[in-house]
């Protein structure tokens, strides 16, 4: 028999709030599988997996309306024309491209900041009255991220 959980347990396992669960339910991304005799909603373990998937896709920058379509495709049994595979592969391919762009930006930013720290290491002990001559002050003000 399938495990049934109250909203609190779903939140604990998925790392979210009850408000998030209710919002995803209102957006028709998740739904309870049953009600207790007192009217409390019960959810399945699949609900936790779906919430985690939604959270990941949101972090990757996908809007909730697109996430709903993706989740609905994964629930669909209609894969005759490989809609599920093609759609998910397209989403994942776009996500991979986005991640690569972010990694490139982070890596470049890290190199520039590390370089700036190295170049300005002696600035703390510098006795110069003005930093204009060496140009390091401008680099520090922009964290070395702007091209000079």
C-alpha atoms as a PDB file:
ATOM      1  CA  UNK A   1       0.000   0.000   0.000  1.00  0.00           C
ATOM      2  CA  UNK A   2       1.173   3.478  -0.882  1.00  0.00           C
ATOM      3  CA  UNK A   3       2.454   5.665   1.951  1.00  0.00           C
ATOM      4  CA  UNK A   4       0.103   8.535   2.769  1.00  0.00           C
ATOM      5  CA  UNK A   5       1.440  11.703   4.344  1.00  0.00           C
ATOM      6  CA  UNK A   6      -0.034  14.811   5.855  1.00  0.00           C
ATOM      7  CA  UNK A   7       1.159  18.174   4.579  1.00  0.00           C
ATOM      8  CA  UNK A   8       3.687  18.573   7.417  1.00  0.00           C
ATOM      9  CA  UNK A   9       5.517  15.388   6.448  1.00  0.00           C
ATOM     10  CA  UNK A  10       5.510  16.380   2.779  1.00  0.00           C
ATOM     11  CA  UNK A  11       7.042  19.731   3.755  1.00  0.00           C
ATOM     12  CA  UNK A  12       9.698  18.078   5.915  1.00  0.00           C
ATOM     13  CA  UNK A  13      10.741  15.642   3.183  1.00  0.00           C
ATOM     14  CA  UNK A  14      10.599  18.159   0.327  1.00  0.00           C
ATOM     15  CA  UNK A  15      12.210  21.011   2.256  1.00  0.00           C
ATOM     16  CA  UNK A  16       9.377  23.457   1.637  1.00  0.00           C
ATOM     17  CA  UNK A  17       6.578  25.193   3.483  1.00  0.00           C
ATOM     18  CA  UNK A  18       2.892  24.330   3.704  1.00  0.00           C
ATOM     19  CA  UNK A  19       2.252  27.522   1.760  1.00  0.00           C
ATOM     20  CA  UNK A  20       4.369  26.147  -1.100  1.00  0.00           C
ATOM     21  CA  UNK A  21       2.430  22.875  -1.110  1.00  0.00           C
ATOM     22  CA  UNK A  22      -0.876  24.757  -1.180  1.00  0.00           C
ATOM     23  CA  UNK A  23       0.381  27.017  -3.967  1.00  0.00           C
ATOM     24  CA  UNK A  24       1.474  24.067  -6.120  1.00  0.00           C
ATOM     25  CA  UNK A  25      -1.880  22.448  -5.459  1.00  0.00           C
ATOM     26  CA  UNK A  26      -3.689  25.633  -6.534  1.00  0.00           C
ATOM     27  CA  UNK A  27      -1.511  25.680  -9.671  1.00  0.00           C
ATOM     28  CA  UNK A  28      -2.585  22.069 -10.383  1.00  0.00           C
ATOM     29  CA  UNK A  29       0.977  20.774 -10.191  1.00  0.00           C
ATOM     30  CA  UNK A  30       0.259  18.416  -7.296  1.00  0.00           C
ATOM     31  CA  UNK A  31      -2.905  17.038  -5.781  1.00  0.00           C
ATOM     32  CA  UNK A  32      -3.795  15.069  -2.662  1.00  0.00           C
ATOM     33  CA  UNK A  33      -4.522  11.376  -3.076  1.00  0.00           C
ATOM     34  CA  UNK A  34      -7.110  11.130  -0.314  1.00  0.00           C
ATOM     35  CA  UNK A  35      -8.765  12.843   2.627  1.00  0.00           C
ATOM     36  CA  UNK A  36      -8.799  11.707   6.242  1.00  0.00           C
ATOM     37  CA  UNK A  37     -12.192  11.249   7.939  1.00  0.00           C
ATOM     38  CA  UNK A  38     -11.669  14.706   9.447  1.00  0.00           C
ATOM     39  CA  UNK A  39     -11.055  16.227   6.009  1.00  0.00           C
ATOM     40  CA  UNK A  40      -7.263  16.607   6.125  1.00  0.00           C
ATOM     41  CA  UNK A  41      -5.471  16.060   2.833  1.00  0.00           C
ATOM     42  CA  UNK A  42      -3.144  13.119   2.335  1.00  0.00           C
ATOM     43  CA  UNK A  43      -0.315  13.093  -0.189  1.00  0.00           C
ATOM     44  CA  UNK A  44       1.855  10.370  -1.714  1.00  0.00           C
ATOM     45  CA  UNK A  45       5.624  10.062  -1.918  1.00  0.00           C
ATOM     46  CA  UNK A  46       5.279  11.147  -5.561  1.00  0.00           C
ATOM     47  CA  UNK A  47       4.211  14.554  -4.272  1.00  0.00           C
ATOM     48  CA  UNK A  48       7.608  14.984  -2.597  1.00  0.00           C
ATOM     49  CA  UNK A  49       9.396  14.027  -5.829  1.00  0.00           C
ATOM     50  CA  UNK A  50       7.296  16.444  -7.858  1.00  0.00           C
ATOM     51  CA  UNK A  51       7.952  19.302  -5.424  1.00  0.00           C
ATOM     52  CA  UNK A  52      11.702  18.647  -5.555  1.00  0.00           C
ATOM     53  CA  UNK A  53      11.559  18.607  -9.355  1.00  0.00           C
ATOM     54  CA  UNK A  54       9.626  21.883  -9.396  1.00  0.00           C
ATOM     55  CA  UNK A  55      12.152  23.458  -7.035  1.00  0.00           C
ATOM     56  CA  UNK A  56      15.034  22.397  -9.281  1.00  0.00           C
ATOM     57  CA  UNK A  57      13.352  23.666 -12.439  1.00  0.00           C
ATOM     58  CA  UNK A  58      12.557  26.971 -10.705  1.00  0.00           C
ATOM     59  CA  UNK A  59      16.211  27.356  -9.676  1.00  0.00           C
ATOM     60  CA  UNK A  60      17.119  26.793 -13.307  1.00  0.00           C
ATOM     61  CA  UNK A  61      14.902  29.739 -14.208  1.00  0.00           C
ATOM     62  CA  UNK A  62      11.852  28.030 -15.656  1.00  0.00           C
ATOM     63  CA  UNK A  63       8.529  29.816 -15.096  1.00  0.00           C
ATOM     64  CA  UNK A  64       5.856  27.948 -13.173  1.00  0.00           C
ATOM     65  CA  UNK A  65       3.539  27.713 -16.207  1.00  0.00           C
ATOM     66  CA  UNK A  66       6.254  25.819 -18.120  1.00  0.00           C
ATOM     67  CA  UNK A  67       6.992  23.654 -15.107  1.00  0.00           C
ATOM     68  CA  UNK A  68       3.307  22.722 -14.901  1.00  0.00           C
ATOM     69  CA  UNK A  69       3.424  21.577 -18.546  1.00  0.00           C
ATOM     70  CA  UNK A  70       6.561  19.518 -17.893  1.00  0.00           C
ATOM     71  CA  UNK A  71       5.081  17.862 -14.796  1.00  0.00           C
ATOM     72  CA  UNK A  72       1.835  17.143 -16.648  1.00  0.00           C
ATOM     73  CA  UNK A  73       3.808  15.562 -19.489  1.00  0.00           C
ATOM     74  CA  UNK A  74       5.589  13.272 -17.042  1.00  0.00           C
ATOM     75  CA  UNK A  75       2.202  12.144 -15.711  1.00  0.00           C
ATOM     76  CA  UNK A  76       0.801  11.567 -19.208  1.00  0.00           C
ATOM     77  CA  UNK A  77       0.595   8.062 -20.588  1.00  0.00           C
ATOM     78  CA  UNK A  78       0.458   9.434 -24.139  1.00  0.00           C
ATOM     79  CA  UNK A  79       3.993   8.988 -25.411  1.00  0.00           C
ATOM     80  CA  UNK A  80       3.035   7.583 -28.814  1.00  0.00           C
ATOM     81  CA  UNK A  81       4.793  10.421 -30.595  1.00  0.00           C
ATOM     82  CA  UNK A  82       7.585  10.710 -28.037  1.00  0.00           C
ATOM     83  CA  UNK A  83       6.232  14.035 -26.804  1.00  0.00           C
ATOM     84  CA  UNK A  84       7.515  13.389 -23.304  1.00  0.00           C
ATOM     85  CA  UNK A  85      11.022  12.459 -24.335  1.00  0.00           C
ATOM     86  CA  UNK A  86      11.395  15.276 -26.849  1.00  0.00           C
ATOM     87  CA  UNK A  87       9.911  17.932 -24.565  1.00  0.00           C
ATOM     88  CA  UNK A  88      11.946  16.910 -21.550  1.00  0.00           C
ATOM     89  CA  UNK A  89      15.126  16.656 -23.609  1.00  0.00           C
ATOM     90  CA  UNK A  90      14.506  20.172 -24.944  1.00  0.00           C
ATOM     91  CA  UNK A  91      13.985  21.537 -21.441  1.00  0.00           C
ATOM     92  CA  UNK A  92      17.044  19.752 -20.101  1.00  0.00           C
ATOM     93  CA  UNK A  93      19.146  20.869 -23.062  1.00  0.00           C
ATOM     94  CA  UNK A  94      18.145  24.493 -22.476  1.00  0.00           C
ATOM     95  CA  UNK A  95      18.834  24.108 -18.764  1.00  0.00           C
ATOM     96  CA  UNK A  96      22.256  22.650 -19.474  1.00  0.00           C
ATOM     97  CA  UNK A  97      23.060  25.562 -21.745  1.00  0.00           C
ATOM     98  CA  UNK A  98      21.906  28.025 -19.071  1.00  0.00           C
ATOM     99  CA  UNK A  99      23.996  26.266 -16.413  1.00  0.00           C
ATOM    100  CA  UNK A 100      27.057  26.384 -18.668  1.00  0.00           C
ATOM    101  CA  UNK A 101      26.562  30.139 -19.157  1.00  0.00           C
ATOM    102  CA  UNK A 102      26.244  30.702 -15.417  1.00  0.00           C
ATOM    103  CA  UNK A 103      29.311  28.576 -14.711  1.00  0.00           C
ATOM    104  CA  UNK A 104      31.295  30.521 -17.288  1.00  0.00           C
ATOM    105  CA  UNK A 105      30.231  33.816 -15.708  1.00  0.00           C
ATOM    106  CA  UNK A 106      31.047  32.588 -12.203  1.00  0.00           C
ATOM    107  CA  UNK A 107      34.414  31.201 -13.275  1.00  0.00           C
ATOM    108  CA  UNK A 108      35.341  34.424 -15.049  1.00  0.00           C
ATOM    109  CA  UNK A 109      34.196  36.509 -12.066  1.00  0.00           C
ATOM    110  CA  UNK A 110      36.169  34.332  -9.692  1.00  0.00           C
ATOM    111  CA  UNK A 111      39.337  34.731 -11.763  1.00  0.00           C
ATOM    112  CA  UNK A 112      38.923  38.510 -11.898  1.00  0.00           C
ATOM    113  CA  UNK A 113      38.292  38.858  -8.182  1.00  0.00           C
ATOM    114  CA  UNK A 114      41.228  36.569  -7.311  1.00  0.00           C
ATOM    115  CA  UNK A 115      43.418  38.611  -9.657  1.00  0.00           C
ATOM    116  CA  UNK A 116      42.197  41.855  -8.084  1.00  0.00           C
ATOM    117  CA  UNK A 117      42.952  40.571  -4.587  1.00  0.00           C
ATOM    118  CA  UNK A 118      46.434  39.619  -5.676  1.00  0.00           C
ATOM    119  CA  UNK A 119      47.062  42.985  -7.369  1.00  0.00           C
ATOM    120  CA  UNK A 120      45.766  44.986  -4.410  1.00  0.00           C
ATOM    121  CA  UNK A 121      47.392  42.912  -1.678  1.00  0.00           C
ATOM    122  CA  UNK A 122      49.821  45.739  -0.869  1.00  0.00           C
ATOM    123  CA  UNK A 123      47.148  48.462  -0.913  1.00  0.00           C
ATOM    124  CA  UNK A 124      46.386  48.034   2.780  1.00  0.00           C
ATOM    125  CA  UNK A 125      49.938  48.990   3.707  1.00  0.00           C
ATOM    126  CA  UNK A 126      50.349  51.561   0.920  1.00  0.00           C
ATOM    127  CA  UNK A 127      51.203  55.042   2.217  1.00  0.00           C
ATOM    128  CA  UNK A 128      50.164  56.882  -0.957  1.00  0.00           C
ATOM    129  CA  UNK A 129      47.845  59.856  -0.445  1.00  0.00           C
ATOM    130  CA  UNK A 130      45.860  59.070  -3.584  1.00  0.00           C
ATOM    131  CA  UNK A 131      45.171  55.852  -5.486  1.00  0.00           C
ATOM    132  CA  UNK A 132      44.523  57.543  -8.822  1.00  0.00           C
ATOM    133  CA  UNK A 133      48.027  56.912 -10.064  1.00  0.00           C
ATOM    134  CA  UNK A 134      47.940  53.139  -9.809  1.00  0.00           C
ATOM    135  CA  UNK A 135      44.288  52.754 -10.813  1.00  0.00           C
ATOM    136  CA  UNK A 136      43.669  50.108  -8.188  1.00  0.00           C
ATOM    137  CA  UNK A 137      40.992  52.140  -6.433  1.00  0.00           C
ATOM    138  CA  UNK A 138      38.785  52.054  -9.535  1.00  0.00           C
ATOM    139  CA  UNK A 139      39.279  48.301  -9.815  1.00  0.00           C
ATOM    140  CA  UNK A 140      38.383  47.849  -6.156  1.00  0.00           C
ATOM    141  CA  UNK A 141      35.240  49.950  -6.525  1.00  0.00           C
ATOM    142  CA  UNK A 142      34.006  47.737  -9.367  1.00  0.00           C
ATOM    143  CA  UNK A 143      35.355  44.543  -7.797  1.00  0.00           C
ATOM    144  CA  UNK A 144      37.496  44.193 -10.887  1.00  0.00           C
ATOM    145  CA  UNK A 145      34.478  42.993 -12.864  1.00  0.00           C
ATOM    146  CA  UNK A 146      34.312  45.915 -15.274  1.00  0.00           C
ATOM    147  CA  UNK A 147      36.668  46.124 -18.161  1.00  0.00           C
ATOM    148  CA  UNK A 148      39.155  48.945 -17.815  1.00  0.00           C
END
